[in-house]
Every structure is written in C-alpha cells, then in structure tokens.
C-alpha cells in the first residue's frame, strides 16, 4: 500500500500536476511523510517499539510539513475556528501546532485497532471527508484512497491484516494531507472518536495502571470495564466484531460529517 501511494504521488510530482508558488511541492512532501510513516510502522511490527518512542518518533515526519508550511507563506499559520474566527499562530504554528498534530493524529489512529476492518474503514471515511473539501489537491489521494478501500474490503472480511505499518502510514497520510490542504480543523473534528479513545486509554492507564481488554467468547465481544472506545461499546453488552466496527465507523462518519458542515457554514 505504501509503495503504491508513493509511486502515484511521485508521478504527480514528476508531471507537475499539482503546482503552487515558491517552489513548494505538495506531492513530494506527502510522499516523504508517507514513506516515514510506513517505515515507522514496519519498525514497530519488527521490534515492537516502546510507547515512548512511538509517541515521539512521528515528530520526524513533521519536518517536511514544517518546511512546506514555512515556504508556502504566512497564510498557513492561520487556522479558522467556528465562533472564534481566524487565529494566527505565527511562528508557533511551525514548531508547536504541526508537531502536535502529527504526533496526536498518528498515534491516535494507531491506537484504535485490533478488529477486522477497524484500522482501514475508519481512516478511509476521514480521507474521503478531507478530499471532498480539498479542491484540486484531492488528486493527491485518489490512488491511495482506491488502494485503501480495497484493503478495507479484505480487512473487514478478515482476509488481510494491515498491522502497524498500515496504521502509521495512513495516520501520517491524513495529517500530512490536512496540513498541505490547509484543513487542520477539519481533520481534528473528524478524528475526535480517535482522540476520545486514546484519552480514555491513557487516563485509565496512568491513573489506575490498568489496560483495556475485551473478551471474545467464540462469537461475540464483551467487556467488564470501560477503558477504551471498544470496551465502552461492549461493556456488559456482547456484540459481534462486525457490529463493533460498524458502530465505531458510524461515529467516525458522524464526526467527519460534522467537520464538513462546519467547513461549509463557518
């Protein structure tokens, strides 16, 4: 999947299909970000990286995005927020906002997984939402979306497993595309279910030193605690794997639709 995305994006760069001033290449920036995301995920699959490393290694992927935003101009330091108006973060945008976005989105996407289809269907929904309001930049994700939807089809049926390689790659793909297309707020709203899941996991772990676990009785999933989004949904309520994935996908679809509405009206 990562190789296909990179080849496609490099072709866009080679034929200069997407151009913007100041010698900035959105396609090359996106390709480099995806390359690092895939490598980080592959490394995690091989040697099982400690969570401290996984939390901060994505910051390296922020470097090409910082360079892109800086060379693009001052307009990139502004973020339009509903009711609050447009906020100019100035230099803090480059060294605080972008790194935080990369770290949070990449890790939250990676943390919500473990069920067939969950790691592919939900990111595909967010990707489609971003593409719908990205204008000409949507072509950057055309091939990646097709490949990802194909993976989602087989992953949902339990035929393939994308692993950390896929989840890290798609996480960085989403945040890189959002920065390139100036859709940071849309991305944040779209991934709110991811953020909620990660917050629940981290809070229960650091406060009670307990991890989220779900029990499979042979047919359905059930949990006796609420320490993650999955265990919250299955708390004393047995559900099949596909039912859980469908519920979470609907939550992501709702947050993505909310982001689209906010984009249109604010």
Protein backbone atom coordinates (compact mmCIF):
# COMPACT_ATOMS: atom_id res chain seq x y z
CA UNK A 1 0.00 0.00 0.00
CA UNK A 2 2.72 2.48 0.94
CA UNK A 3 4.70 1.70 -2.22
CA UNK A 4 1.65 2.25 -4.41
CA UNK A 5 0.93 5.58 -2.76
CA UNK A 6 4.50 6.78 -3.13
CA UNK A 7 4.74 5.80 -6.81
CA UNK A 8 1.46 7.54 -7.59
CA UNK A 9 2.42 10.71 -5.71
CA UNK A 10 5.90 10.78 -7.25
CA UNK A 11 4.25 10.60 -10.69
CA UNK A 12 2.14 13.62 -9.78
CA UNK A 13 5.33 15.39 -8.74
CA UNK A 14 7.18 14.33 -11.91
CA UNK A 15 4.45 15.58 -14.25
CA UNK A 16 3.91 18.70 -12.14
CA UNK A 17 0.16 18.10 -11.92
CA UNK A 18 -0.28 19.93 -8.62
CA UNK A 19 1.66 23.19 -8.50
CA UNK A 20 1.81 26.05 -6.04
CA UNK A 21 4.16 29.06 -5.81
CA UNK A 22 7.53 29.36 -4.10
CA UNK A 23 8.83 26.05 -5.39
CA UNK A 24 6.80 24.07 -2.85
CA UNK A 25 5.80 20.54 -3.87
CA UNK A 26 2.76 19.16 -2.03
CA UNK A 27 3.10 15.78 -3.74
CA UNK A 28 6.75 15.34 -2.73
CA UNK A 29 6.00 16.49 0.82
CA UNK A 30 3.16 13.99 1.10
CA UNK A 31 5.28 11.17 -0.35
CA UNK A 32 8.10 11.77 2.14
CA UNK A 33 5.63 11.81 5.02
CA UNK A 34 4.01 8.53 3.90
CA UNK A 35 7.44 6.96 3.45
CA UNK A 36 8.38 7.75 7.03
CA UNK A 37 5.01 6.62 8.37
CA UNK A 38 5.31 3.26 6.64
CA UNK A 39 8.88 2.82 7.87
CA UNK A 40 7.92 3.66 11.46
CA UNK A 41 5.06 1.16 11.35
CA UNK A 42 7.28 -1.51 9.83
CA UNK A 43 9.86 -0.92 12.56
CA UNK A 44 7.15 -1.28 15.19
CA UNK A 45 5.96 -4.55 13.64
CA UNK A 46 9.51 -5.90 13.65
CA UNK A 47 10.81 -4.92 17.08
CA UNK A 48 7.69 -3.75 18.97
CA UNK A 49 8.75 -0.19 19.79
CA UNK A 50 8.19 1.15 23.29
CA UNK A 51 5.27 3.53 23.58
CA UNK A 52 7.62 6.40 24.46
CA UNK A 53 9.37 6.02 21.10
CA UNK A 54 6.11 5.63 19.20
CA UNK A 55 4.82 8.78 20.84
CA UNK A 56 7.68 10.98 19.67
CA UNK A 57 9.18 9.36 16.55
CA UNK A 58 6.39 10.78 14.34
CA UNK A 59 7.82 14.22 15.11
CA UNK A 60 10.47 13.49 12.48
CA UNK A 61 7.69 13.31 9.90
CA UNK A 62 6.71 16.85 10.89
CA UNK A 63 9.96 18.24 9.42
CA UNK A 64 8.88 18.15 5.72
CA UNK A 65 5.48 19.54 6.71
CA UNK A 66 7.08 22.41 8.64
CA UNK A 67 9.28 23.15 5.63
CA UNK A 68 6.24 23.06 3.34
CA UNK A 69 4.19 25.40 5.53
CA UNK A 70 7.08 27.82 6.02
CA UNK A 71 7.84 28.11 2.30
CA UNK A 72 4.17 28.42 1.43
CA UNK A 73 3.80 31.67 3.36
CA UNK A 74 2.12 33.34 6.30
CA UNK A 75 -1.37 32.20 5.25
CA UNK A 76 -0.53 28.74 6.51
CA UNK A 77 -0.07 29.94 10.08
CA UNK A 78 -3.74 30.88 10.32
CA UNK A 79 -6.48 28.49 11.39
CA UNK A 80 -10.17 29.39 11.07
CA UNK A 81 -12.21 28.24 14.07
CA UNK A 82 -16.02 28.41 14.31
CA UNK A 83 -17.27 31.22 16.56
CA UNK A 84 -13.69 32.24 17.39
CA UNK A 85 -12.73 33.46 13.93
CA UNK A 86 -9.30 33.16 12.35
CA UNK A 87 -6.34 32.78 14.69
CA UNK A 88 -2.81 33.48 13.51
CA UNK A 89 -0.38 31.32 15.47
CA UNK A 90 2.65 32.90 13.83
CA UNK A 91 5.92 31.06 14.36
CA UNK A 92 4.26 28.79 16.94
CA UNK A 93 2.33 27.17 14.11
CA UNK A 94 5.52 25.68 12.67
CA UNK A 95 7.14 24.45 15.86
CA UNK A 96 4.14 23.64 18.06
CA UNK A 97 0.89 23.19 16.11
CA UNK A 98 2.24 20.99 13.29
CA UNK A 99 4.31 18.70 15.57
CA UNK A 100 1.35 18.30 17.95
CA UNK A 101 -0.98 17.47 15.06
CA UNK A 102 1.42 14.90 13.62
CA UNK A 103 2.03 13.23 16.98
CA UNK A 104 -1.60 13.12 18.12
CA UNK A 105 -3.21 12.04 14.84
CA UNK A 106 -0.59 9.40 14.02
CA UNK A 107 -0.70 7.81 17.47
CA UNK A 108 -4.46 8.00 17.96
CA UNK A 109 -5.09 6.32 14.61
CA UNK A 110 -2.60 3.61 15.55
CA UNK A 111 -4.23 3.05 18.95
CA UNK A 112 -7.72 2.36 17.60
CA UNK A 113 -7.38 -1.08 16.06
CA UNK A 114 -7.30 -4.78 16.73
CA UNK A 115 -10.58 -5.63 14.99
CA UNK A 116 -11.06 -6.64 11.37
CA UNK A 117 -11.84 -3.53 9.33
CA UNK A 118 -11.37 -1.03 12.14
CA UNK A 119 -7.90 0.11 11.03
CA UNK A 120 -8.98 0.58 7.41
CA UNK A 121 -12.66 1.56 7.22
CA UNK A 122 -12.50 4.47 9.68
CA UNK A 123 -9.41 6.18 8.16
CA UNK A 124 -11.00 5.79 4.71
CA UNK A 125 -14.03 7.73 5.93
CA UNK A 126 -11.83 10.55 7.23
CA UNK A 127 -9.82 10.54 4.00
CA UNK A 128 -12.96 10.88 1.87
CA UNK A 129 -14.16 13.76 4.05
CA UNK A 130 -10.88 15.65 3.61
CA UNK A 131 -10.85 15.04 -0.14
CA UNK A 132 -14.36 16.46 -0.52
CA UNK A 133 -13.24 19.93 0.59
CA UNK A 134 -9.63 19.94 -0.62
CA UNK A 135 -10.24 21.21 -4.15
CA UNK A 136 -7.55 20.33 -6.70
CA UNK A 137 -5.42 18.68 -4.01
CA UNK A 138 -7.88 15.78 -3.90
CA UNK A 139 -5.98 14.17 -6.77
CA UNK A 140 -3.11 13.54 -4.37
CA UNK A 141 -5.19 10.95 -2.52
CA UNK A 142 -7.10 9.44 -5.44
CA UNK A 143 -4.92 6.36 -5.84
CA UNK A 144 -4.22 5.98 -2.10
CA UNK A 145 -7.98 6.03 -1.47
CA UNK A 146 -8.63 3.30 -4.05
CA UNK A 147 -5.88 1.14 -2.57
CA UNK A 148 -7.07 1.78 0.97
CA UNK A 149 -10.69 0.95 0.14
CA UNK A 150 -9.51 -2.30 -1.43
CA UNK A 151 -7.58 -3.11 1.74
CA UNK A 152 -10.63 -2.17 3.81
CA UNK A 153 -12.80 -4.62 1.86
CA UNK A 154 -10.50 -7.55 2.53
CA UNK A 155 -9.55 -6.41 6.03
CA UNK A 156 -13.20 -6.16 7.09
CA UNK A 157 -13.68 -9.76 5.99
CA UNK A 158 -10.58 -10.86 7.90
CA UNK A 159 -8.61 -11.76 4.78
CA UNK A 160 -5.66 -9.44 5.39
CA UNK A 161 -4.09 -7.54 8.29
CA UNK A 162 -2.54 -4.10 7.74
CA UNK A 163 -0.66 -4.01 11.06
CA UNK A 164 1.24 -1.05 12.43
CA UNK A 165 2.78 -0.44 9.01
CA UNK A 166 -0.61 0.39 7.57
CA UNK A 167 -1.99 2.28 10.55
CA UNK A 168 1.05 4.54 10.92
CA UNK A 169 1.17 5.17 7.18
CA UNK A 170 -2.49 6.14 6.95
CA UNK A 171 -2.27 8.27 10.09
CA UNK A 172 0.60 10.33 8.72
CA UNK A 173 -1.11 10.44 5.32
CA UNK A 174 -4.18 12.07 6.86
CA UNK A 175 -2.31 14.68 8.88
CA UNK A 176 0.12 15.49 6.05
CA UNK A 177 -2.73 15.96 3.58
CA UNK A 178 -4.61 18.14 6.08
CA UNK A 179 -1.57 20.40 6.54
CA UNK A 180 -0.92 20.56 2.80
CA UNK A 181 -4.56 21.37 2.00
CA UNK A 182 -4.97 23.72 4.99
CA UNK A 183 -7.68 21.53 6.55
CA UNK A 184 -6.30 21.15 10.06
CA UNK A 185 -9.53 21.99 11.85
CA UNK A 186 -11.49 19.60 9.65
CA UNK A 187 -9.06 16.83 10.50
CA UNK A 188 -9.24 17.49 14.24
CA UNK A 189 -13.05 17.32 14.23
CA UNK A 190 -13.04 14.20 12.05
CA UNK A 191 -10.70 12.26 14.35
CA UNK A 192 -12.49 13.14 17.60
CA UNK A 193 -13.54 9.48 18.16
CA UNK A 194 -9.86 8.54 17.86
CA UNK A 195 -8.87 11.23 20.35
CA UNK A 196 -11.60 10.11 22.76
CA UNK A 197 -10.41 6.51 22.56
CA UNK A 198 -6.77 7.42 23.20
CA UNK A 199 -7.67 9.77 26.05
CA UNK A 200 -9.71 7.04 27.73
CA UNK A 201 -6.90 4.50 27.35
CA UNK A 202 -4.19 6.84 28.64
CA UNK A 203 -6.22 8.20 31.56
CA UNK A 204 -7.15 4.76 32.88
CA UNK A 205 -3.59 3.52 32.43
CA UNK A 206 -1.85 6.43 34.16
CA UNK A 207 -4.46 6.79 36.91
CA UNK A 208 -5.20 3.13 37.64
CA UNK A 209 -2.37 1.29 35.87
CA UNK A 210 -4.90 -0.87 34.07
CA UNK A 211 -5.14 -1.69 30.38
CA UNK A 212 -8.21 -2.12 28.22
CA UNK A 213 -9.12 -5.72 27.46
CA UNK A 214 -12.06 -7.22 25.64
CA UNK A 215 -13.16 -10.84 25.95
CA UNK A 216 -14.13 -12.98 22.97
CA UNK A 217 -16.46 -15.84 23.86
CA UNK A 218 -16.22 -17.51 20.47
CA UNK A 219 -18.99 -15.49 18.85
CA UNK A 220 -19.17 -12.06 20.45
CA UNK A 221 -17.02 -9.47 22.19
CA UNK A 222 -17.81 -8.33 25.71
CA UNK A 223 -16.05 -6.23 28.35
CA UNK A 224 -16.49 -5.74 32.09
CA UNK A 225 -14.86 -2.30 32.12
CA UNK A 226 -14.78 0.96 30.14
CA UNK A 227 -11.16 1.79 29.41
CA UNK A 228 -11.31 2.34 25.64
CA UNK A 229 -13.86 3.06 22.94
CA UNK A 230 -14.15 -0.66 22.13
CA UNK A 231 -14.63 -1.71 25.76
CA UNK A 232 -17.09 1.16 26.29
CA UNK A 233 -19.24 -0.09 23.41
CA UNK A 234 -19.06 -3.72 24.52
CA UNK A 235 -19.44 -3.01 28.25
CA UNK A 236 -21.80 -5.72 29.55
CA UNK A 237 -23.27 -5.84 26.06
CA UNK A 238 -21.99 -8.70 23.86
CA UNK A 239 -21.60 -7.67 20.22
CA UNK A 240 -20.08 -9.29 17.18
CA UNK A 241 -16.82 -7.94 15.81
CA UNK A 242 -18.55 -6.52 12.74
CA UNK A 243 -21.16 -4.79 14.91
CA UNK A 244 -18.46 -3.07 16.95
CA UNK A 245 -16.59 -1.98 13.82
CA UNK A 246 -19.83 -0.70 12.29
CA UNK A 247 -20.70 1.35 15.39
CA UNK A 248 -17.24 2.94 15.54
CA UNK A 249 -17.30 3.59 11.79
CA UNK A 250 -20.64 5.38 12.20
CA UNK A 251 -19.14 7.51 14.98
CA UNK A 252 -16.23 8.47 12.70
CA UNK A 253 -18.68 9.15 9.86
CA UNK A 254 -20.69 11.43 12.16
CA UNK A 255 -17.61 13.39 13.24
CA UNK A 256 -16.46 13.66 9.62
CA UNK A 257 -19.90 14.88 8.53
CA UNK A 258 -19.79 17.45 11.34
CA UNK A 259 -16.42 18.66 10.06
CA UNK A 260 -17.88 19.03 6.56
CA UNK A 261 -20.85 21.02 7.86
CA UNK A 262 -18.60 23.31 9.88
CA UNK A 263 -16.45 23.85 6.79
CA UNK A 264 -19.50 24.85 4.74
CA UNK A 265 -21.13 27.18 7.26
CA UNK A 266 -18.14 28.67 9.08
